[in-house]
């Protein structure tokens, strides 16, 4: 049978692992977004240099306007594409974070409840009324954990849903 300190250490270890995973997800998402931004900036720079060279050799104002229009249109398309891709990356990461947080709330609450039950089980209580009061308190605590988990999951879904709706349009 695990000691109380072992149970606490196990809970802390699980929470630390979840925090590390959240940090990793955040770093990975930031890296993907930065890579995308660098690629788009490089492409736009190269295209801008080509456009400047082309404009410097143009003699006809009408042709210059057409080149600038094409360049502006191409730049706008690339920027919009980049924004859409960043929104999709962010949306996927939010979904992953939501799933991880939901799992952590659910399993964390269960783990805490089980640890408390084990702690009370080992106590030498001979009074039946005290035992009933402890059991009632444990049931109330478990119910509160379940309600918090449901409420947190629903709140997170409501928070991330507008992002999902906006990116799909």
N, C-alpha and C. Protein backbone atom coordinates (compact mmCIF):
# COMPACT_ATOMS: atom_id res chain seq x y z
N UNK A 1 0.85 -1.18 0.00
CA UNK A 1 0.00 0.00 0.00
C UNK A 1 0.89 1.24 0.00
N UNK A 2 0.59 2.17 -0.84
CA UNK A 2 1.39 3.37 -0.98
C UNK A 2 1.15 4.29 0.22
N UNK A 3 2.21 4.98 0.61
CA UNK A 3 2.07 5.92 1.71
C UNK A 3 1.39 7.19 1.21
N UNK A 4 0.98 8.00 2.18
CA UNK A 4 0.32 9.26 1.82
C UNK A 4 1.27 10.14 1.03
N UNK A 5 2.54 10.16 1.42
CA UNK A 5 3.53 10.99 0.71
C UNK A 5 3.73 10.48 -0.72
N UNK A 6 3.71 9.15 -0.90
CA UNK A 6 3.82 8.59 -2.25
C UNK A 6 2.63 9.01 -3.11
N UNK A 7 1.44 9.01 -2.53
CA UNK A 7 0.25 9.42 -3.26
C UNK A 7 0.35 10.89 -3.67
N UNK A 8 0.79 11.73 -2.75
CA UNK A 8 0.94 13.16 -3.06
C UNK A 8 2.00 13.36 -4.13
N UNK A 9 3.11 12.63 -4.01
CA UNK A 9 4.17 12.73 -5.01
C UNK A 9 3.68 12.30 -6.39
N UNK A 10 2.86 11.26 -6.43
CA UNK A 10 2.31 10.79 -7.71
C UNK A 10 1.39 11.84 -8.33
N UNK A 11 0.56 12.47 -7.51
CA UNK A 11 -0.32 13.54 -8.01
C UNK A 11 0.51 14.70 -8.54
N UNK A 12 1.55 15.08 -7.81
CA UNK A 12 2.42 16.17 -8.25
C UNK A 12 3.13 15.82 -9.55
N UNK A 13 3.55 14.57 -9.67
CA UNK A 13 4.23 14.12 -10.88
C UNK A 13 3.29 14.22 -12.09
N UNK A 14 2.05 13.78 -11.91
CA UNK A 14 1.07 13.85 -13.01
C UNK A 14 0.80 15.30 -13.41
N UNK A 15 0.67 16.18 -12.42
CA UNK A 15 0.42 17.59 -12.71
C UNK A 15 1.62 18.22 -13.42
N UNK A 16 2.81 17.86 -13.01
CA UNK A 16 4.02 18.38 -13.66
C UNK A 16 4.11 17.89 -15.10
N UNK A 17 3.81 16.62 -15.33
CA UNK A 17 3.83 16.08 -16.69
C UNK A 17 2.82 16.81 -17.58
N UNK A 18 1.65 17.11 -17.05
CA UNK A 18 0.64 17.84 -17.82
C UNK A 18 1.12 19.26 -18.12
N UNK A 19 1.74 19.90 -17.15
CA UNK A 19 2.25 21.27 -17.36
C UNK A 19 3.37 21.27 -18.41
N UNK A 20 4.23 20.27 -18.37
CA UNK A 20 5.31 20.16 -19.37
C UNK A 20 4.71 19.95 -20.76
N UNK A 21 3.71 19.11 -20.85
CA UNK A 21 3.07 18.85 -22.15
C UNK A 21 2.42 20.12 -22.69
N UNK A 22 1.76 20.89 -21.83
CA UNK A 22 1.16 22.15 -22.26
C UNK A 22 2.24 23.11 -22.77
N UNK A 23 3.35 23.18 -22.05
CA UNK A 23 4.45 24.05 -22.48
C UNK A 23 5.01 23.59 -23.82
N UNK A 24 5.18 22.28 -23.99
CA UNK A 24 5.67 21.74 -25.26
C UNK A 24 4.72 22.09 -26.41
N UNK A 25 3.43 21.94 -26.17
CA UNK A 25 2.45 22.25 -27.21
C UNK A 25 2.54 23.72 -27.60
N UNK A 26 2.68 24.58 -26.61
CA UNK A 26 2.78 26.01 -26.87
C UNK A 26 4.03 26.34 -27.68
N UNK A 27 5.15 25.74 -27.31
CA UNK A 27 6.41 25.98 -28.01
C UNK A 27 6.33 25.46 -29.45
N UNK A 28 5.79 24.26 -29.62
CA UNK A 28 5.66 23.68 -30.96
C UNK A 28 4.77 24.54 -31.85
N UNK A 29 3.67 25.03 -31.31
CA UNK A 29 2.77 25.88 -32.09
C UNK A 29 3.47 27.19 -32.46
N UNK A 30 4.18 27.78 -31.51
CA UNK A 30 4.91 29.02 -31.79
C UNK A 30 5.95 28.80 -32.87
N UNK A 31 6.64 27.67 -32.82
CA UNK A 31 7.64 27.37 -33.84
C UNK A 31 7.01 27.24 -35.22
N UNK A 32 5.88 26.54 -35.30
CA UNK A 32 5.21 26.38 -36.59
C UNK A 32 4.76 27.73 -37.15
N UNK A 33 4.22 28.58 -36.28
CA UNK A 33 3.78 29.89 -36.72
C UNK A 33 4.97 30.74 -37.18
N UNK A 34 6.06 30.69 -36.43
CA UNK A 34 7.25 31.46 -36.82
C UNK A 34 7.82 30.97 -38.14
N UNK A 35 7.86 29.66 -38.33
CA UNK A 35 8.35 29.10 -39.60
C UNK A 35 7.49 29.55 -40.76
N UNK A 36 6.19 29.55 -40.55
CA UNK A 36 5.27 30.01 -41.58
C UNK A 36 5.49 31.48 -41.90
N UNK A 37 5.62 32.30 -40.87
CA UNK A 37 5.84 33.72 -41.06
C UNK A 37 7.16 33.99 -41.79
N UNK A 38 8.21 33.27 -41.42
CA UNK A 38 9.51 33.45 -42.08
C UNK A 38 9.41 33.06 -43.55
N UNK A 39 8.74 31.95 -43.83
CA UNK A 39 8.60 31.50 -45.23
C UNK A 39 7.82 32.53 -46.05
N UNK A 40 6.76 33.06 -45.50
CA UNK A 40 5.96 34.05 -46.22
C UNK A 40 6.76 35.34 -46.40
N UNK A 41 7.46 35.76 -45.35
CA UNK A 41 8.26 36.99 -45.46
C UNK A 41 9.36 36.83 -46.52
N UNK A 42 9.99 35.68 -46.54
CA UNK A 42 11.04 35.43 -47.54
C UNK A 42 10.45 35.46 -48.95
N UNK A 43 9.32 34.80 -49.12
CA UNK A 43 8.65 34.78 -50.42
C UNK A 43 8.25 36.18 -50.86
N UNK A 44 7.68 36.95 -49.94
CA UNK A 44 7.26 38.31 -50.28
C UNK A 44 8.47 39.19 -50.60
N UNK A 45 9.56 39.01 -49.87
CA UNK A 45 10.77 39.78 -50.16
C UNK A 45 11.30 39.46 -51.55
N UNK A 46 11.40 38.17 -51.85
CA UNK A 46 11.90 37.76 -53.17
C UNK A 46 10.98 38.29 -54.28
N UNK A 47 9.70 38.20 -54.05
CA UNK A 47 8.74 38.70 -55.03
C UNK A 47 8.85 40.23 -55.17
N UNK A 48 9.09 40.90 -54.05
CA UNK A 48 9.25 42.35 -54.07
C UNK A 48 10.48 42.78 -54.86
N UNK A 49 11.57 42.03 -54.69
CA UNK A 49 12.79 42.32 -55.45
C UNK A 49 12.54 42.13 -56.95
N UNK A 50 11.89 41.02 -57.29
CA UNK A 50 11.57 40.76 -58.71
C UNK A 50 10.66 41.86 -59.26
N UNK A 51 9.69 42.27 -58.46
CA UNK A 51 8.78 43.32 -58.89
C UNK A 51 9.52 44.65 -59.09
N UNK A 52 10.42 44.97 -58.18
CA UNK A 52 11.19 46.21 -58.31
C UNK A 52 12.05 46.19 -59.57
N UNK A 53 12.66 45.04 -59.84
CA UNK A 53 13.47 44.92 -61.06
C UNK A 53 12.58 45.10 -62.30
N UNK A 54 11.44 44.46 -62.28
CA UNK A 54 10.52 44.55 -63.42
C UNK A 54 10.04 45.99 -63.59
N UNK A 55 9.71 46.66 -62.49
CA UNK A 55 9.24 48.04 -62.58
C UNK A 55 10.32 49.00 -63.08
N UNK A 56 11.58 48.69 -62.74
CA UNK A 56 12.66 49.59 -63.17
C UNK A 56 12.90 49.54 -64.67
N UNK A 57 12.48 48.46 -65.30
CA UNK A 57 12.69 48.35 -66.75
C UNK A 57 11.45 48.73 -67.56
N UNK A 58 10.37 49.08 -66.89
CA UNK A 58 9.13 49.43 -67.56
C UNK A 58 9.19 50.88 -68.05
N UNK A 59 8.77 51.09 -69.27
CA UNK A 59 8.75 52.44 -69.85
C UNK A 59 7.32 53.00 -69.93
N UNK A 60 6.36 52.10 -70.00
CA UNK A 60 4.95 52.48 -70.18
C UNK A 60 4.26 52.57 -68.80
N UNK A 61 3.63 53.69 -68.45
CA UNK A 61 2.93 53.82 -67.17
C UNK A 61 1.81 52.80 -66.99
N UNK A 62 1.14 52.47 -68.07
CA UNK A 62 0.05 51.48 -67.99
C UNK A 62 0.61 50.12 -67.56
N UNK A 63 1.73 49.74 -68.11
CA UNK A 63 2.36 48.47 -67.76
C UNK A 63 2.84 48.50 -66.30
N UNK A 64 3.33 49.64 -65.82
CA UNK A 64 3.75 49.78 -64.43
C UNK A 64 2.57 49.60 -63.48
N UNK A 65 1.44 50.18 -63.83
CA UNK A 65 0.24 50.04 -63.00
C UNK A 65 -0.21 48.58 -62.97
N UNK A 66 -0.16 47.90 -64.09
CA UNK A 66 -0.55 46.48 -64.15
C UNK A 66 0.38 45.63 -63.27
N UNK A 67 1.70 45.91 -63.35
CA UNK A 67 2.65 45.15 -62.52
C UNK A 67 2.39 45.39 -61.03
N UNK A 68 2.16 46.64 -60.67
CA UNK A 68 1.87 46.96 -59.26
C UNK A 68 0.57 46.30 -58.80
N UNK A 69 -0.41 46.29 -59.66
CA UNK A 69 -1.69 45.65 -59.34
C UNK A 69 -1.50 44.15 -59.13
N UNK A 70 -0.75 43.52 -60.03
CA UNK A 70 -0.48 42.09 -59.90
C UNK A 70 0.29 41.80 -58.60
N UNK A 71 1.29 42.63 -58.32
CA UNK A 71 2.09 42.44 -57.11
C UNK A 71 1.21 42.61 -55.87
N UNK A 72 0.37 43.63 -55.85
CA UNK A 72 -0.52 43.86 -54.71
C UNK A 72 -1.49 42.70 -54.52
N UNK A 73 -2.01 42.19 -55.62
CA UNK A 73 -2.95 41.07 -55.55
C UNK A 73 -2.24 39.82 -55.03
N UNK A 74 -1.06 39.55 -55.53
CA UNK A 74 -0.28 38.38 -55.10
C UNK A 74 0.08 38.50 -53.62
N UNK A 75 0.50 39.67 -53.21
CA UNK A 75 0.85 39.90 -51.80
C UNK A 75 -0.35 39.69 -50.90
N UNK A 76 -1.48 40.23 -51.30
CA UNK A 76 -2.71 40.08 -50.51
C UNK A 76 -3.10 38.61 -50.39
N UNK A 77 -3.03 37.87 -51.47
CA UNK A 77 -3.38 36.44 -51.44
C UNK A 77 -2.45 35.68 -50.51
N UNK A 78 -1.15 35.98 -50.58
CA UNK A 78 -0.19 35.28 -49.71
C UNK A 78 -0.44 35.62 -48.24
N UNK A 79 -0.73 36.87 -47.96
CA UNK A 79 -0.97 37.28 -46.58
C UNK A 79 -2.25 36.63 -46.03
N UNK A 80 -3.30 36.59 -46.84
CA UNK A 80 -4.55 35.96 -46.41
C UNK A 80 -4.36 34.46 -46.20
N UNK A 81 -3.62 33.84 -47.09
CA UNK A 81 -3.33 32.41 -46.96
C UNK A 81 -2.55 32.16 -45.67
N UNK A 82 -1.58 33.01 -45.40
CA UNK A 82 -0.79 32.88 -44.17
C UNK A 82 -1.67 33.05 -42.95
N UNK A 83 -2.55 34.02 -42.96
CA UNK A 83 -3.46 34.25 -41.83
C UNK A 83 -4.38 33.06 -41.61
N UNK A 84 -4.90 32.49 -42.71
CA UNK A 84 -5.77 31.31 -42.58
C UNK A 84 -5.00 30.13 -41.98
N UNK A 85 -3.79 29.93 -42.46
CA UNK A 85 -2.98 28.82 -41.95
C UNK A 85 -2.64 29.02 -40.47
N UNK A 86 -2.33 30.25 -40.08
CA UNK A 86 -2.05 30.53 -38.67
C UNK A 86 -3.29 30.28 -37.81
N UNK A 87 -4.46 30.67 -38.32
CA UNK A 87 -5.70 30.44 -37.59
C UNK A 87 -5.96 28.94 -37.43
N UNK A 88 -5.69 28.17 -38.48
CA UNK A 88 -5.88 26.72 -38.40
C UNK A 88 -4.92 26.10 -37.40
N UNK A 89 -3.65 26.53 -37.42
CA UNK A 89 -2.67 26.03 -36.46
C UNK A 89 -3.11 26.34 -35.03
N UNK A 90 -3.54 27.56 -34.82
CA UNK A 90 -3.98 27.98 -33.49
C UNK A 90 -5.22 27.20 -33.06
N UNK A 91 -6.14 26.98 -33.97
CA UNK A 91 -7.36 26.24 -33.66
C UNK A 91 -7.04 24.80 -33.26
N UNK A 92 -6.15 24.17 -34.03
CA UNK A 92 -5.76 22.79 -33.69
C UNK A 92 -5.09 22.73 -32.32
N UNK A 93 -4.23 23.70 -32.05
CA UNK A 93 -3.55 23.72 -30.75
C UNK A 93 -4.54 23.95 -29.63
N UNK A 94 -5.50 24.85 -29.83
CA UNK A 94 -6.52 25.08 -28.81
C UNK A 94 -7.33 23.81 -28.54
N UNK A 95 -7.62 23.08 -29.58
CA UNK A 95 -8.36 21.82 -29.40
C UNK A 95 -7.53 20.82 -28.60
N UNK A 96 -6.24 20.73 -28.91
CA UNK A 96 -5.37 19.83 -28.16
C UNK A 96 -5.25 20.25 -26.70
N UNK A 97 -5.10 21.56 -26.47
CA UNK A 97 -5.01 22.07 -25.10
C UNK A 97 -6.31 21.79 -24.36
N UNK A 98 -7.44 22.03 -25.02
CA UNK A 98 -8.73 21.76 -24.39
C UNK A 98 -8.89 20.31 -23.99
N UNK A 99 -8.46 19.43 -24.88
CA UNK A 99 -8.54 18.00 -24.58
C UNK A 99 -7.65 17.65 -23.39
N UNK A 100 -6.43 18.17 -23.39
CA UNK A 100 -5.50 17.89 -22.30
C UNK A 100 -6.00 18.46 -20.98
N UNK A 101 -6.52 19.68 -21.00
CA UNK A 101 -7.03 20.29 -19.78
C UNK A 101 -8.24 19.50 -19.27
N UNK A 102 -9.12 19.12 -20.17
CA UNK A 102 -10.28 18.32 -19.77
C UNK A 102 -9.88 17.00 -19.13
N UNK A 103 -8.92 16.33 -19.77
CA UNK A 103 -8.43 15.06 -19.22
C UNK A 103 -7.79 15.29 -17.85
N UNK A 104 -7.00 16.36 -17.74
CA UNK A 104 -6.32 16.64 -16.49
C UNK A 104 -7.32 16.95 -15.38
N UNK A 105 -8.35 17.73 -15.71
CA UNK A 105 -9.37 18.02 -14.70
C UNK A 105 -10.09 16.76 -14.27
N UNK A 106 -10.43 15.93 -15.25
CA UNK A 106 -11.16 14.71 -14.95
C UNK A 106 -10.32 13.74 -14.13
N UNK A 107 -9.13 13.42 -14.63
CA UNK A 107 -8.30 12.45 -13.92
C UNK A 107 -7.73 13.04 -12.64
N UNK A 108 -7.43 14.34 -12.65
CA UNK A 108 -6.90 14.97 -11.44
C UNK A 108 -7.91 14.93 -10.31
N UNK A 109 -9.16 15.20 -10.64
CA UNK A 109 -10.21 15.14 -9.63
C UNK A 109 -10.41 13.72 -9.10
N UNK A 110 -10.39 12.77 -10.02
CA UNK A 110 -10.54 11.37 -9.60
C UNK A 110 -9.37 10.94 -8.73
N UNK A 111 -8.15 11.31 -9.15
CA UNK A 111 -6.95 10.95 -8.38
C UNK A 111 -7.00 11.55 -6.98
N UNK A 112 -7.40 12.83 -6.91
CA UNK A 112 -7.49 13.49 -5.61
C UNK A 112 -8.54 12.82 -4.74
N UNK A 113 -9.69 12.50 -5.34
CA UNK A 113 -10.75 11.83 -4.60
C UNK A 113 -10.28 10.47 -4.08
N UNK A 114 -9.64 9.69 -4.94
CA UNK A 114 -9.14 8.38 -4.53
C UNK A 114 -8.09 8.50 -3.42
N UNK A 115 -7.21 9.48 -3.51
CA UNK A 115 -6.20 9.68 -2.48
C UNK A 115 -6.85 10.03 -1.14
N UNK A 116 -7.89 10.88 -1.21
CA UNK A 116 -8.58 11.23 0.03
C UNK A 116 -9.31 10.02 0.62
N UNK A 117 -9.89 9.21 -0.25
CA UNK A 117 -10.58 8.01 0.23
C UNK A 117 -9.59 7.07 0.92
N UNK A 118 -8.44 6.87 0.30
CA UNK A 118 -7.41 5.99 0.89
C UNK A 118 -6.93 6.54 2.23
N UNK A 119 -6.80 7.87 2.29
CA UNK A 119 -6.34 8.48 3.53
C UNK A 119 -7.36 8.24 4.65
N UNK A 120 -8.64 8.44 4.34
CA UNK A 120 -9.67 8.25 5.36
C UNK A 120 -9.89 6.78 5.70
N UNK A 121 -9.65 5.91 4.73
CA UNK A 121 -9.85 4.48 4.96
C UNK A 121 -8.88 3.96 6.02
N UNK A 122 -7.69 4.49 6.04
CA UNK A 122 -6.69 4.02 6.98
C UNK A 122 -6.83 4.60 8.37
N UNK A 123 -7.76 5.52 8.55
CA UNK A 123 -7.92 6.15 9.86
C UNK A 123 -8.75 5.25 10.78
N UNK A 124 -8.33 5.13 12.03
CA UNK A 124 -9.09 4.29 12.98
C UNK A 124 -10.30 5.06 13.54
N UNK A 125 -11.41 5.00 12.82
CA UNK A 125 -12.63 5.68 13.28
C UNK A 125 -13.63 4.61 13.69
N UNK A 126 -14.05 4.68 14.95
CA UNK A 126 -14.98 3.66 15.46
C UNK A 126 -16.40 4.19 15.54
N UNK A 127 -16.57 5.50 15.55
CA UNK A 127 -17.91 6.10 15.64
C UNK A 127 -18.57 6.05 14.27
N UNK A 128 -19.72 5.38 14.21
CA UNK A 128 -20.44 5.23 12.94
C UNK A 128 -20.91 6.57 12.40
N UNK A 129 -21.33 7.48 13.26
CA UNK A 129 -21.78 8.80 12.82
C UNK A 129 -20.63 9.56 12.16
N UNK A 130 -19.45 9.47 12.73
CA UNK A 130 -18.28 10.15 12.16
C UNK A 130 -17.96 9.55 10.80
N UNK A 131 -18.07 8.23 10.69
CA UNK A 131 -17.79 7.56 9.42
C UNK A 131 -18.81 7.97 8.37
N UNK A 132 -20.08 8.07 8.76
CA UNK A 132 -21.12 8.50 7.83
C UNK A 132 -20.88 9.94 7.39
N UNK A 133 -20.49 10.79 8.32
CA UNK A 133 -20.21 12.19 7.99
C UNK A 133 -19.03 12.29 7.01
N UNK A 134 -18.00 11.48 7.23
CA UNK A 134 -16.85 11.46 6.32
C UNK A 134 -17.26 10.98 4.93
N UNK A 135 -18.08 9.93 4.89
CA UNK A 135 -18.53 9.41 3.60
C UNK A 135 -19.38 10.45 2.87
N UNK A 136 -20.23 11.14 3.59
CA UNK A 136 -21.05 12.19 2.98
C UNK A 136 -20.16 13.31 2.44
N UNK A 137 -19.16 13.68 3.22
CA UNK A 137 -18.22 14.72 2.77
C UNK A 137 -17.47 14.27 1.51
N UNK A 138 -17.08 13.00 1.48
CA UNK A 138 -16.38 12.47 0.31
C UNK A 138 -17.29 12.45 -0.91
N UNK A 139 -18.54 12.06 -0.72
CA UNK A 139 -19.49 12.06 -1.84
C UNK A 139 -19.74 13.48 -2.35
N UNK A 140 -19.86 14.42 -1.43
CA UNK A 140 -20.06 15.82 -1.82
C UNK A 140 -18.85 16.34 -2.57
N UNK A 141 -17.65 15.99 -2.10
CA UNK A 141 -16.41 16.41 -2.76
C UNK A 141 -16.34 15.83 -4.16
N UNK A 142 -16.64 14.54 -4.30
CA UNK A 142 -16.61 13.90 -5.61
C UNK A 142 -17.60 14.57 -6.55
N UNK A 143 -18.79 14.84 -6.06
CA UNK A 143 -19.81 15.51 -6.87
C UNK A 143 -19.34 16.90 -7.30
N UNK A 144 -18.71 17.61 -6.38
CA UNK A 144 -18.21 18.95 -6.71
C UNK A 144 -17.12 18.87 -7.78
N UNK A 145 -16.22 17.89 -7.66
CA UNK A 145 -15.18 17.70 -8.68
C UNK A 145 -15.79 17.41 -10.04
N UNK A 146 -16.80 16.55 -10.06
CA UNK A 146 -17.46 16.21 -11.33
C UNK A 146 -18.13 17.44 -11.94
N UNK A 147 -18.80 18.23 -11.11
CA UNK A 147 -19.46 19.44 -11.61
C UNK A 147 -18.43 20.45 -12.13
N UNK A 148 -17.32 20.60 -11.41
CA UNK A 148 -16.27 21.51 -11.86
C UNK A 148 -15.68 21.06 -13.18
N UNK A 149 -15.48 19.76 -13.31
CA UNK A 149 -14.93 19.23 -14.56
C UNK A 149 -15.87 19.50 -15.72
N UNK A 150 -17.17 19.22 -15.52
CA UNK A 150 -18.15 19.48 -16.58
C UNK A 150 -18.21 20.96 -16.91
N UNK A 151 -18.26 21.79 -15.91
CA UNK A 151 -18.35 23.25 -16.13
C UNK A 151 -17.10 23.76 -16.83
N UNK A 152 -15.94 23.28 -16.43
CA UNK A 152 -14.70 23.72 -17.07
C UNK A 152 -14.65 23.28 -18.52
N UNK A 153 -15.06 22.06 -18.79
CA UNK A 153 -15.07 21.57 -20.17
C UNK A 153 -16.03 22.38 -21.02
N UNK A 154 -17.22 22.65 -20.49
CA UNK A 154 -18.22 23.43 -21.24
C UNK A 154 -17.72 24.85 -21.47
N UNK A 155 -17.11 25.44 -20.45
CA UNK A 155 -16.60 26.81 -20.60
C UNK A 155 -15.48 26.86 -21.63
N UNK A 156 -14.61 25.87 -21.61
CA UNK A 156 -13.52 25.86 -22.58
C UNK A 156 -14.06 25.67 -23.99
N UNK A 157 -15.05 24.82 -24.15
CA UNK A 157 -15.65 24.63 -25.47
C UNK A 157 -16.32 25.91 -25.95
N UNK A 158 -17.00 26.61 -25.06
CA UNK A 158 -17.65 27.86 -25.45
C UNK A 158 -16.60 28.92 -25.81
N UNK A 159 -15.48 28.90 -25.10
CA UNK A 159 -14.42 29.86 -25.35
C UNK A 159 -13.76 29.61 -26.70
N UNK A 160 -13.55 28.36 -27.06
CA UNK A 160 -12.87 28.04 -28.31
C UNK A 160 -13.81 27.95 -29.50
N UNK A 161 -15.09 27.81 -29.28
CA UNK A 161 -16.03 27.65 -30.39
C UNK A 161 -16.06 28.84 -31.34
N UNK A 162 -16.07 30.09 -30.87
CA UNK A 162 -16.08 31.20 -31.82
C UNK A 162 -14.88 31.18 -32.77
N UNK A 163 -13.73 30.72 -32.30
CA UNK A 163 -12.55 30.62 -33.15
C UNK A 163 -12.81 29.60 -34.24
N UNK A 164 -13.41 28.46 -33.89
CA UNK A 164 -13.72 27.42 -34.86
C UNK A 164 -14.67 27.96 -35.92
N UNK A 165 -15.70 28.66 -35.50
CA UNK A 165 -16.70 29.18 -36.42
C UNK A 165 -16.08 30.20 -37.36
N UNK A 166 -15.25 31.06 -36.85
CA UNK A 166 -14.65 32.11 -37.67
C UNK A 166 -13.69 31.54 -38.71
N UNK A 167 -12.91 30.52 -38.34
CA UNK A 167 -11.93 29.99 -39.27
C UNK A 167 -12.55 29.14 -40.37
N UNK A 168 -13.76 28.64 -40.17
CA UNK A 168 -14.38 27.79 -41.17
C UNK A 168 -15.12 28.60 -42.24
N UNK A 169 -15.32 29.87 -42.01
CA UNK A 169 -16.04 30.69 -42.99
C UNK A 169 -15.22 30.98 -44.18
